[in-house]
C-alpha atoms as a PDB file:
ATOM      1  CA  MET A   1     -16.473 104.464 -79.421  1.00  0.00           C
ATOM      2  CA  GLY A   2     -16.410 108.118 -79.856  1.00  0.00           C
ATOM      3  CA  LYS A   3     -16.917 111.263 -77.585  1.00  0.00           C
ATOM      4  CA  ILE A   4     -20.312 112.671 -77.193  1.00  0.00           C
ATOM      5  CA  GLY A   5     -18.646 116.422 -77.087  1.00  0.00           C
ATOM      6  CA  ARG A   6     -21.449 118.795 -77.285  1.00  0.00           C
ATOM      7  CA  SER A   7     -24.350 118.867 -75.109  1.00  0.00           C
ATOM      8  CA  TYR A   8     -27.951 118.428 -76.216  1.00  0.00           C
ATOM      9  CA  ARG A   9     -30.328 121.247 -77.471  1.00  0.00           C
ATOM     10  CA  SER A  10     -33.876 120.370 -77.651  1.00  0.00           C
ATOM     11  CA  THR A  11     -37.298 122.424 -78.759  1.00  0.00           C
ATOM     12  CA  ALA A  12     -40.967 121.392 -78.331  1.00  0.00           C
ATOM     13  CA  ALA A  13     -44.173 122.681 -79.591  1.00  0.00           C
ATOM     14  CA  SER A  14     -47.789 121.908 -79.061  1.00  0.00           C
ATOM     15  CA  PHE A  15     -50.862 122.391 -80.077  1.00  0.00           C
ATOM     16  CA  ASP A  16     -54.684 120.491 -78.100  1.00  0.00           C
ATOM     17  CA  GLY A  17     -57.568 120.844 -77.667  1.00  0.00           C
ATOM     18  CA  ARG A  18     -61.545 119.495 -77.892  1.00  0.00           C
ATOM     19  CA  ILE A  19     -63.691 119.286 -81.385  1.00  0.00           C
ATOM     20  CA  THR A  20     -66.878 118.748 -79.428  1.00  0.00           C
ATOM     21  CA  ALA A  21     -68.697 121.032 -77.728  1.00  0.00           C
ATOM     22  CA  ASP A  22     -67.988 121.608 -73.829  1.00  0.00           C
ATOM     23  CA  ASN A  23     -71.886 121.279 -72.733  1.00  0.00           C
ATOM     24  CA  SER A  24     -72.503 120.137 -69.580  1.00  0.00           C
ATOM     25  CA  SER A  25     -75.176 117.864 -70.911  1.00  0.00           C
ATOM     26  CA  LYS A  26     -72.416 115.898 -72.407  1.00  0.00           C
ATOM     27  CA  ASN A  27     -70.820 112.480 -71.105  1.00  0.00           C
ATOM     28  CA  ASN A  28     -67.707 112.536 -74.040  1.00  0.00           C
ATOM     29  CA  VAL A  29     -65.960 115.257 -75.309  1.00  0.00           C
ATOM     30  CA  LEU A  30     -63.525 114.447 -78.124  1.00  0.00           C
ATOM     31  CA  ALA A  31     -60.009 116.542 -78.591  1.00  0.00           C
ATOM     32  CA  VAL A  32     -57.136 115.972 -80.613  1.00  0.00           C
ATOM     33  CA  GLY A  33     -53.414 117.121 -80.273  1.00  0.00           C
ATOM     34  CA  LEU A  34     -50.738 118.165 -82.794  1.00  0.00           C
ATOM     35  CA  ASN A  35     -46.930 117.687 -81.308  1.00  0.00           C
ATOM     36  CA  PHE A  36     -43.404 118.546 -82.240  1.00  0.00           C
ATOM     37  CA  PHE A  37     -39.790 117.883 -80.769  1.00  0.00           C
ATOM     38  CA  ASN A  38     -36.890 118.492 -81.940  1.00  0.00           C
ATOM     39  CA  ASP A  39     -33.348 117.462 -80.397  1.00  0.00           C
ATOM     40  CA  LYS A  40     -29.595 117.930 -81.600  1.00  0.00           C
ATOM     41  CA  ALA A  41     -26.810 116.375 -79.501  1.00  0.00           C
ATOM     42  CA  GLY A  42     -23.139 116.043 -79.409  1.00  0.00           C
ATOM     43  CA  ASN A  43     -20.120 116.579 -81.843  1.00  0.00           C
ATOM     44  CA  LEU A  44     -21.494 114.597 -84.604  1.00  0.00           C
ATOM     45  CA  GLY A  45     -25.075 116.174 -84.887  1.00  0.00           C
ATOM     46  CA  MET A  46     -27.053 113.493 -84.079  1.00  0.00           C
ATOM     47  CA  MET A  47     -30.991 115.097 -84.456  1.00  0.00           C
ATOM     48  CA  SER A  48     -34.060 114.200 -84.212  1.00  0.00           C
ATOM     49  CA  ASN A  49     -37.411 115.348 -85.131  1.00  0.00           C
ATOM     50  CA  ASN A  50     -40.920 114.072 -84.314  1.00  0.00           C
ATOM     51  CA  LEU A  51     -44.384 114.704 -84.955  1.00  0.00           C
ATOM     52  CA  ALA A  52     -46.956 113.215 -83.648  1.00  0.00           C
ATOM     53  CA  LEU A  53     -51.034 113.344 -83.704  1.00  0.00           C
ATOM     54  CA  SER A  54     -52.868 112.452 -80.661  1.00  0.00           C
ATOM     55  CA  VAL A  55     -56.987 111.544 -80.362  1.00  0.00           C
ATOM     56  CA  ALA A  56     -58.695 111.497 -77.126  1.00  0.00           C
ATOM     57  CA  ASN A  57     -61.843 110.452 -75.961  1.00  0.00           C
ATOM     58  CA  HIS A  58     -63.202 111.963 -72.590  1.00  0.00           C
ATOM     59  CA  PHE A  59     -65.829 109.679 -70.595  1.00  0.00           C
ATOM     60  CA  LYS A  60     -67.948 111.896 -68.151  1.00  0.00           C
ATOM     61  CA  ILE A  61     -68.938 109.417 -64.897  1.00  0.00           C
ATOM     62  CA  ASP A  62     -70.616 112.543 -62.588  1.00  0.00           C
ATOM     63  CA  SER A  63     -69.785 116.014 -62.415  1.00  0.00           C
ATOM     64  CA  ARG A  64     -66.183 115.510 -60.126  1.00  0.00           C
ATOM     65  CA  ASN A  65     -65.423 112.044 -62.035  1.00  0.00           C
ATOM     66  CA  LYS A  66     -63.755 111.477 -65.968  1.00  0.00           C
ATOM     67  CA  PHE A  67     -62.171 108.804 -67.954  1.00  0.00           C
ATOM     68  CA  SER A  68     -59.958 109.324 -70.951  1.00  0.00           C
ATOM     69  CA  LEU A  69     -58.607 107.385 -73.240  1.00  0.00           C
ATOM     70  CA  ALA A  70     -56.156 108.365 -76.012  1.00  0.00           C
ATOM     71  CA  ILE A  71     -53.870 106.876 -78.747  1.00  0.00           C
ATOM     72  CA  ASN A  72     -50.644 108.931 -80.517  1.00  0.00           C
ATOM     73  CA  ALA A  73     -49.355 107.786 -83.637  1.00  0.00           C
ATOM     74  CA  GLY A  74     -46.297 109.777 -85.413  1.00  0.00           C
ATOM     75  CA  TYR A  75     -43.668 109.850 -87.166  1.00  0.00           C
ATOM     76  CA  CYS A  76     -39.844 109.991 -86.342  1.00  0.00           C
ATOM     77  CA  GLN A  77     -36.696 111.478 -88.650  1.00  0.00           C
ATOM     78  CA  ARG A  78     -33.115 110.907 -87.645  1.00  0.00           C
ATOM     79  CA  SER A  79     -29.710 111.736 -88.690  1.00  0.00           C
ATOM     80  CA  ILE A  80     -25.958 112.043 -88.028  1.00  0.00           C
ATOM     81  CA  GLN A  81     -23.266 113.724 -88.996  1.00  0.00           C
ATOM     82  CA  SER A  82     -20.310 110.724 -88.656  1.00  0.00           C
ATOM     83  CA  ALA A  83     -17.207 112.486 -90.114  1.00  0.00           C
ATOM     84  CA  ASP A  84     -17.467 114.984 -87.945  1.00  0.00           C
ATOM     85  CA  GLY A  85     -16.657 112.371 -84.538  1.00  0.00           C
ATOM     86  CA  ILE A  86     -13.616 111.405 -82.538  1.00  0.00           C
ATOM     87  CA  TRP A  87     -13.101 108.065 -82.572  1.00  0.00           C
ATOM     88  CA  ALA A  88     -11.019 105.846 -80.011  1.00  0.00           C
ATOM     89  CA  SER A  89      -9.920 103.837 -83.593  1.00  0.00           C
ATOM     90  CA  GLN A  90      -8.222 107.275 -84.535  1.00  0.00           C
ATOM     91  CA  PHE A  91      -5.924 107.513 -81.187  1.00  0.00           C
ATOM     92  CA  ASN A  92      -2.317 106.927 -83.207  1.00  0.00           C
ATOM     93  CA  GLY A  93      -0.602 105.407 -79.624  1.00  0.00           C
ATOM     94  CA  VAL A  94       0.699 108.896 -78.974  1.00  0.00           C
ATOM     95  CA  VAL A  95      -2.080 111.433 -79.404  1.00  0.00           C
ATOM     96  CA  TYR A  96      -5.429 111.599 -81.205  1.00  0.00           C
ATOM     97  CA  ASP A  97      -4.791 111.975 -85.604  1.00  0.00           C
ATOM     98  CA  ALA A  98      -7.546 112.639 -87.353  1.00  0.00           C
ATOM     99  CA  GLY A  99      -6.227 111.893 -90.352  1.00  0.00           C
ATOM    100  CA  VAL A 100      -6.504 108.262 -89.298  1.00  0.00           C
ATOM    101  CA  SER A 101      -9.860 106.345 -90.684  1.00  0.00           C
ATOM    102  CA  SER A 102     -12.135 105.267 -88.328  1.00  0.00           C
ATOM    103  CA  GLY A 103     -13.665 102.642 -89.094  1.00  0.00           C
ATOM    104  CA  GLU A 104     -16.771 103.393 -88.873  1.00  0.00           C
ATOM    105  CA  GLU A 105     -19.659 102.902 -90.996  1.00  0.00           C
ATOM    106  CA  PHE A 106     -23.617 103.805 -91.017  1.00  0.00           C
ATOM    107  CA  ASN A 107     -25.444 102.324 -93.104  1.00  0.00           C
ATOM    108  CA  ASN A 108     -28.636 104.615 -92.452  1.00  0.00           C
ATOM    109  CA  GLN A 109     -27.391 108.288 -91.999  1.00  0.00           C
ATOM    110  CA  SER A 110     -30.515 109.402 -92.401  1.00  0.00           C
ATOM    111  CA  PHE A 111     -34.042 107.724 -91.760  1.00  0.00           C
ATOM    112  CA  GLY A 112     -37.352 107.541 -90.465  1.00  0.00           C
ATOM    113  CA  PHE A 113     -39.890 105.741 -88.688  1.00  0.00           C
ATOM    114  CA  PHE A 114     -43.925 105.244 -87.477  1.00  0.00           C
ATOM    115  CA  ASP A 115     -44.314 105.177 -84.017  1.00  0.00           C
ATOM    116  CA  ALA A 116     -47.030 104.559 -81.886  1.00  0.00           C
ATOM    117  CA  GLY A 117     -48.393 104.958 -78.284  1.00  0.00           C
ATOM    118  CA  ALA A 118     -51.491 104.452 -76.135  1.00  0.00           C
ATOM    119  CA  GLY A 119     -52.725 105.852 -72.570  1.00  0.00           C
ATOM    120  CA  ILE A 120     -55.509 106.119 -70.199  1.00  0.00           C
ATOM    121  CA  LEU A 121     -56.550 109.025 -67.074  1.00  0.00           C
ATOM    122  CA  TYR A 122     -58.910 109.044 -64.261  1.00  0.00           C
ATOM    123  CA  SER A 123     -59.685 112.646 -63.254  1.00  0.00           C
ATOM    124  CA  TYR A 124     -61.565 113.628 -60.413  1.00  0.00           C
ATOM    125  CA  ASN A 125     -62.219 117.847 -60.146  1.00  0.00           C
ATOM    126  CA  ARG A 126     -64.109 119.387 -57.141  1.00  0.00           C
ATOM    127  CA  LYS A 127     -65.731 122.572 -57.200  1.00  0.00           C
ATOM    128  CA  ILE A 128     -67.464 124.554 -54.492  1.00  0.00           C
ATOM    129  CA  LYS A 129     -68.423 128.242 -55.021  1.00  0.00           C
ATOM    130  CA  GLY A 130     -70.178 130.066 -52.683  1.00  0.00           C
ATOM    131  CA  VAL A 131     -69.076 127.556 -49.615  1.00  0.00           C
ATOM    132  CA  ALA A 132     -65.594 128.649 -48.563  1.00  0.00           C
ATOM    133  CA  ARG A 133     -62.443 130.929 -50.324  1.00  0.00           C
ATOM    134  CA  ASN A 134     -60.152 128.550 -52.662  1.00  0.00           C
ATOM    135  CA  SER A 135     -61.703 125.227 -51.489  1.00  0.00           C
ATOM    136  CA  ASP A 136     -61.544 123.360 -55.202  1.00  0.00           C
ATOM    137  CA  GLN A 137     -59.809 119.744 -55.174  1.00  0.00           C
ATOM    138  CA  ARG A 138     -58.401 117.942 -58.001  1.00  0.00           C
ATOM    139  CA  VAL A 139     -56.484 115.114 -58.766  1.00  0.00           C
ATOM    140  CA  ASN A 140     -55.370 113.534 -61.858  1.00  0.00           C
ATOM    141  CA  VAL A 141     -53.827 109.352 -62.532  1.00  0.00           C
ATOM    142  CA  GLY A 142     -52.405 108.675 -65.623  1.00  0.00           C
ATOM    143  CA  LEU A 143     -50.559 105.186 -67.769  1.00  0.00           C
ATOM    144  CA  ALA A 144     -49.452 105.254 -71.028  1.00  0.00           C
ATOM    145  CA  ALA A 145     -47.242 103.314 -73.217  1.00  0.00           C
ATOM    146  CA  PHE A 146     -44.716 104.470 -76.338  1.00  0.00           C
ATOM    147  CA  HIS A 147     -43.333 102.970 -78.740  1.00  0.00           C
ATOM    148  CA  LEU A 148     -45.828 100.027 -79.279  1.00  0.00           C
ATOM    149  CA  ASN A 149     -44.590  98.899 -82.518  1.00  0.00           C
ATOM    150  CA  ARG A 150     -40.942  99.177 -80.978  1.00  0.00           C
ATOM    151  CA  PRO A 151     -39.492 100.733 -84.713  1.00  0.00           C
ATOM    152  CA  ASN A 152     -35.875 100.025 -85.884  1.00  0.00           C
ATOM    153  CA  PHE A 153     -34.097 102.973 -84.755  1.00  0.00           C
ATOM    154  CA  SER A 154     -30.379 102.493 -85.382  1.00  0.00           C
ATOM    155  CA  PHE A 155     -28.088 103.812 -87.520  1.00  0.00           C
ATOM    156  CA  VAL A 156     -26.270 100.876 -88.325  1.00  0.00           C
ATOM    157  CA  GLU A 157     -27.990  97.967 -90.118  1.00  0.00           C
ATOM    158  CA  ILE A 158     -29.171  95.679 -87.227  1.00  0.00           C
ATOM    159  CA  ASP A 159     -32.731  94.210 -87.415  1.00  0.00           C
ATOM    160  CA  ASN A 160     -32.677  93.362 -83.717  1.00  0.00           C
ATOM    161  CA  GLU A 161     -31.774  96.999 -82.221  1.00  0.00           C
ATOM    162  CA  ARG A 162     -35.289  98.098 -81.582  1.00  0.00           C
ATOM    163  CA  LEU A 163     -36.771 100.776 -78.841  1.00  0.00           C
ATOM    164  CA  ASN A 164     -37.910  99.352 -76.027  1.00  0.00           C
ATOM    165  CA  VAL A 165     -41.585 100.261 -75.035  1.00  0.00           C
ATOM    166  CA  ARG A 166     -41.761 103.218 -72.273  1.00  0.00           C
ATOM    167  CA  TYR A 167     -44.124 102.678 -69.966  1.00  0.00           C
ATOM    168  CA  SER A 168     -45.354 105.894 -67.928  1.00  0.00           C
ATOM    169  CA  ALA A 169     -47.433 106.547 -64.899  1.00  0.00           C
ATOM    170  CA  PHE A 170     -47.962 109.933 -63.433  1.00  0.00           C
ATOM    171  CA  ILE A 171     -50.132 111.462 -60.293  1.00  0.00           C
ATOM    172  CA  ASP A 172     -50.847 115.135 -59.823  1.00  0.00           C
ATOM    173  CA  ALA A 173     -52.860 117.096 -57.586  1.00  0.00           C
ATOM    174  CA  GLU A 174     -54.025 120.626 -57.090  1.00  0.00           C
ATOM    175  CA  ILE A 175     -54.718 120.866 -53.285  1.00  0.00           C
ATOM    176  CA  SER A 176     -56.120 124.671 -52.257  1.00  0.00           C
ATOM    177  CA  ILE A 177     -55.136 125.870 -48.795  1.00  0.00           C
ATOM    178  CA  GLU A 178     -58.724 126.789 -47.877  1.00  0.00           C
ATOM    179  CA  GLY A 179     -59.390 130.324 -46.614  1.00  0.00           C
ATOM    180  CA  THR A 180     -55.462 131.333 -48.609  1.00  0.00           C
ATOM    181  CA  ASP A 181     -54.658 132.399 -51.970  1.00  0.00           C
ATOM    182  CA  GLY A 182     -52.408 129.539 -51.955  1.00  0.00           C
ATOM    183  CA  VAL A 183     -52.218 125.859 -53.840  1.00  0.00           C
ATOM    184  CA  LEU A 184     -49.695 123.078 -53.412  1.00  0.00           C
ATOM    185  CA  LEU A 185     -49.347 121.188 -56.998  1.00  0.00           C
ATOM    186  CA  PRO A 186     -47.599 118.006 -56.282  1.00  0.00           C
ATOM    187  CA  SER A 187     -46.917 115.475 -58.757  1.00  0.00           C
ATOM    188  CA  ALA A 188     -44.579 112.232 -59.110  1.00  0.00           C
ATOM    189  CA  PHE A 189     -43.893 110.663 -62.649  1.00  0.00           C
ATOM    190  CA  TYR A 190     -42.274 107.021 -63.272  1.00  0.00           C
ATOM    191  CA  HIS A 191     -40.951 105.993 -66.486  1.00  0.00           C
ATOM    192  CA  LYS A 192     -39.123 102.303 -67.507  1.00  0.00           C
ATOM    193  CA  GLN A 193     -37.731 101.624 -71.022  1.00  0.00           C
ATOM    194  CA  GLY A 194     -35.637  98.337 -70.695  1.00  0.00           C
ATOM    195  CA  SER A 195     -33.511  98.254 -68.324  1.00  0.00           C
ATOM    196  CA  ALA A 196     -34.112 102.229 -67.546  1.00  0.00           C
ATOM    197  CA  SER A 197     -35.947 103.483 -65.122  1.00  0.00           C
ATOM    198  CA  GLN A 198     -36.556 107.036 -63.425  1.00  0.00           C
ATOM    199  CA  ILE A 199     -38.693 108.623 -60.579  1.00  0.00           C
ATOM    200  CA  LEU A 200     -39.673 112.025 -60.495  1.00  0.00           C
ATOM    201  CA  PHE A 201     -41.154 114.018 -57.968  1.00  0.00           C
ATOM    202  CA  GLY A 202     -41.640 117.428 -56.081  1.00  0.00           C
ATOM    203  CA  THR A 203     -44.419 119.993 -55.869  1.00  0.00           C
ATOM    204  CA  TYR A 204     -45.546 123.777 -56.868  1.00  0.00           C
ATOM    205  CA  TYR A 205     -46.790 126.422 -54.615  1.00  0.00           C
ATOM    206  CA  LYS A 206     -49.005 128.421 -56.374  1.00  0.00           C
ATOM    207  CA  TYR A 207     -49.897 131.592 -55.421  1.00  0.00           C
ATOM    208  CA  LYS A 208     -53.017 133.625 -56.655  1.00  0.00           C
ATOM    209  CA  LEU A 209     -52.542 137.432 -57.165  1.00  0.00           C
ATOM    210  CA  ASN A 210     -55.884 137.744 -58.430  1.00  0.00           C
ATOM    211  CA  SER A 211     -58.418 134.882 -59.184  1.00  0.00           C
ATOM    212  CA  GLY A 212     -60.081 137.069 -61.777  1.00  0.00           C
ATOM    213  CA  SER A 213     -63.620 137.806 -62.308  1.00  0.00           C
ATOM    214  CA  ASN A 214     -66.559 135.009 -62.780  1.00  0.00           C
ATOM    215  CA  TYR A 215     -69.001 137.474 -63.625  1.00  0.00           C
ATOM    216  CA  THR A 216     -67.646 140.751 -65.792  1.00  0.00           C
ATOM    217  CA  GLY A 217     -64.354 139.336 -67.175  1.00  0.00           C
ATOM    218  CA  ASN A 218     -62.805 142.763 -66.342  1.00  0.00           C
ATOM    219  CA  GLU A 219     -60.109 141.597 -63.687  1.00  0.00           C
ATOM    220  CA  LYS A 220     -57.698 138.585 -65.259  1.00  0.00           C
ATOM    221  CA  PRO A 221     -56.661 135.593 -63.012  1.00  0.00           C
ATOM    222  CA  PHE A 222     -53.178 136.441 -62.231  1.00  0.00           C
ATOM    223  CA  SER A 223     -50.616 134.299 -60.268  1.00  0.00           C
ATOM    224  CA  PHE A 224     -47.260 133.182 -59.454  1.00  0.00           C
ATOM    225  CA  SER A 225     -45.681 129.479 -58.671  1.00  0.00           C
ATOM    226  CA  LEU A 226     -42.522 127.950 -57.494  1.00  0.00           C
ATOM    227  CA  GLY A 227     -41.685 124.736 -57.235  1.00  0.00           C
ATOM    228  CA  VAL A 228     -39.265 121.789 -56.012  1.00  0.00           C
ATOM    229  CA  PHE A 229     -38.275 118.828 -57.514  1.00  0.00           C
ATOM    230  CA  GLY A 230     -36.055 116.036 -58.063  1.00  0.00           C
ATOM    231  CA  ARG A 231     -35.017 112.923 -60.141  1.00  0.00           C
ATOM    232  CA  LEU A 232     -34.138 110.513 -57.954  1.00  0.00           C
ATOM    233  CA  LYS A 233     -30.505 109.628 -57.609  1.00  0.00           C
ATOM    234  CA  ASP A 234     -30.194 112.090 -60.580  1.00  0.00           C
ATOM    235  CA  ALA A 235     -30.776 115.465 -60.004  1.00  0.00           C
ATOM    236  CA  PHE A 236     -32.320 118.388 -58.497  1.00  0.00           C
ATOM    237  CA  ILE A 237     -34.959 120.965 -60.335  1.00  0.00           C
ATOM    238  CA  ALA A 238     -36.205 124.558 -59.240  1.00  0.00           C
ATOM    239  CA  LYS A 239     -39.240 125.838 -61.357  1.00  0.00           C
ATOM    240  CA  MET A 240     -41.304 129.103 -61.637  1.00  0.00           C
ATOM    241  CA  ILE A 241     -44.514 129.760 -63.257  1.00  0.00           C
ATOM    242  CA  ILE A 242     -46.288 132.616 -63.970  1.00  0.00           C
ATOM    243  CA  GLU A 243     -49.584 132.727 -65.332  1.00  0.00           C
ATOM    244  CA  TRP A 244     -52.180 135.909 -66.461  1.00  0.00           C
ATOM    245  CA  ASP A 245     -55.406 135.184 -68.089  1.00  0.00           C
ATOM    246  CA  GLN A 246     -54.686 133.071 -71.195  1.00  0.00           C
ATOM    247  CA  PHE A 247     -50.394 133.366 -71.255  1.00  0.00           C
ATOM    248  CA  ALA A 248     -48.074 131.484 -68.998  1.00  0.00           C
ATOM    249  CA  ILE A 249     -44.409 131.608 -69.147  1.00  0.00           C
ATOM    250  CA  GLY A 250     -41.933 129.550 -67.300  1.00  0.00           C
ATOM    251  CA  TYR A 251     -38.651 128.460 -66.442  1.00  0.00           C
ATOM    252  CA  SER A 252     -36.606 125.339 -64.594  1.00  0.00           C
ATOM    253  CA  TYR A 253     -32.901 124.715 -63.938  1.00  0.00           C
ATOM    254  CA  ASP A 254     -31.789 121.570 -63.818  1.00  0.00           C
ATOM    255  CA  VAL A 255     -28.618 120.601 -61.312  1.00  0.00           C
ATOM    256  CA  THR A 256     -27.247 117.489 -62.297  1.00  0.00           C
ATOM    257  CA  LEU A 257     -26.405 115.343 -58.527  1.00  0.00           C
ATOM    258  CA  SER A 258     -24.990 112.160 -60.194  1.00  0.00           C
ATOM    259  CA  GLY A 259     -21.726 111.146 -61.690  1.00  0.00           C
ATOM    260  CA  LEU A 260     -23.141 112.865 -66.026  1.00  0.00           C
ATOM    261  CA  SER A 261     -22.024 116.341 -63.901  1.00  0.00           C
ATOM    262  CA  ASN A 262     -18.218 115.300 -64.566  1.00  0.00           C
ATOM    263  CA  ASN A 263     -19.671 116.062 -68.341  1.00  0.00           C
ATOM    264  CA  SER A 264     -21.216 119.157 -67.577  1.00  0.00           C
ATOM    265  CA  ASN A 265     -18.340 120.936 -66.039  1.00  0.00           C
ATOM    266  CA  GLY A 266     -20.739 121.003 -63.254  1.00  0.00           C
ATOM    267  CA  PHE A 267     -23.244 123.158 -64.585  1.00  0.00           C
ATOM    268  CA  GLY A 268     -27.311 122.212 -65.343  1.00  0.00           C
ATOM    269  CA  SER A 269     -29.844 122.316 -67.791  1.00  0.00           C
ATOM    270  CA  ASN A 270     -32.292 125.245 -68.834  1.00  0.00           C
ATOM    271  CA  GLU A 271     -35.491 125.357 -70.034  1.00  0.00           C
ATOM    272  CA  ILE A 272     -37.924 128.015 -70.665  1.00  0.00           C
ATOM    273  CA  PHE A 273     -41.846 127.610 -72.342  1.00  0.00           C
ATOM    274  CA  VAL A 274     -44.718 129.718 -73.183  1.00  0.00           C
ATOM    275  CA  ARG A 275     -48.072 128.616 -73.378  1.00  0.00           C
ATOM    276  CA  PHE A 276     -51.364 129.855 -74.837  1.00  0.00           C
ATOM    277  CA  ASN A 277     -55.259 128.584 -73.763  1.00  0.00           C
ATOM    278  CA  MET A 278     -57.688 129.781 -76.505  1.00  0.00           C
ATOM    279  CA  GLY A 279     -61.362 129.882 -75.037  1.00  0.00           C
ATOM    280  CA  ASP A 280     -62.296 130.400 -71.802  1.00  0.00           C
ATOM    281  CA  GLY A 281     -62.342 127.286 -69.606  1.00  0.00           C
ATOM    282  CA  GLY A 282     -60.392 125.321 -72.116  1.00  0.00           C
ATOM    283  CA  GLY A 283     -61.171 125.213 -75.565  1.00  0.00           C
ATOM    284  CA  PHE A 284     -57.891 124.583 -77.847  1.00  0.00           C
ATOM    285  CA  ARG A 285     -54.455 125.731 -76.727  1.00  0.00           C
ATOM    286  CA  TYR A 286     -50.560 125.844 -77.609  1.00  0.00           C
ATOM    287  CA  GLY A 287     -47.743 126.082 -76.428  1.00  0.00           C
ATOM    288  CA  SER A 288     -43.915 125.773 -76.509  1.00  0.00           C
ATOM    289  CA  GLY A 289     -40.310 124.998 -75.214  1.00  0.00           C
ATOM    290  CA  PHE A 290     -36.609 125.085 -75.521  1.00  0.00           C
ATOM    291  CA  GLY A 291     -33.721 123.669 -73.208  1.00  0.00           C
ATOM    292  CA  GLY A 292     -30.344 122.846 -73.054  1.00  0.00           C
ATOM    293  CA  ARG A 293     -27.300 122.175 -71.249  1.00  0.00           C
ATOM    294  CA  ARG A 294     -24.835 124.126 -70.700  1.00  0.00           C
ATOM    295  CA  ARG A 295     -20.731 123.431 -70.855  1.00  0.00           C
END
């Protein structure tokens, strides 16, 4: 048994976009994405680095409905510095003694493994021009499964310690408030891995300070969003996003409401992200973010 100590620090970066022309006559659009994730936690310096490639095909059913299939393949590298740990076996009966051997042995202090996943997505998108101001509607529903190959992720040589398949489902929507400059962006997510599960839900309110010009391009769209979300029986999350033309920056603060708040001295978790869309109406885009729990 060991003490975790320092909290986590996470960094993520992604790049994705279509690789076939975005033409209204095309029924299929092929897209690719590249994702990187780094996480470091605890006095043991437990670190994970994930690099994954995604390929998706978007099938156009009609002018409003679309169906997508995607596969994901990547490589994960894990490492740990066991010498920095504090173990129960080093308690000499009175105090902690760093000179006492912990008796802990890690056969794999650094190793890597292949990881694979797949997902499906249904999208509904209604855009009505020239009828009423701010009348667009959008809905996405998705299902995905990760760690389909169930890789061994243990730092010790235990053959049966393999990652459980993680199942994820989500629904999100864009509901324009007709005749105003406001938009509601509700969403809900469900994750299950082994005996653990998580439900995240909430909504943004997006205010369009400037909808932009579809003709001259001289006026750039500018909006500000505030969101309130919650993880069931775990946390309250406040979010903010500012979007201008192809750029976006966001911030969220995660307040732990469960018993885990004792481990963070009452502080929450901060997260910041930036995003850039390349090309009008889509094309390639990339973004990055980082976050961590304060002590």
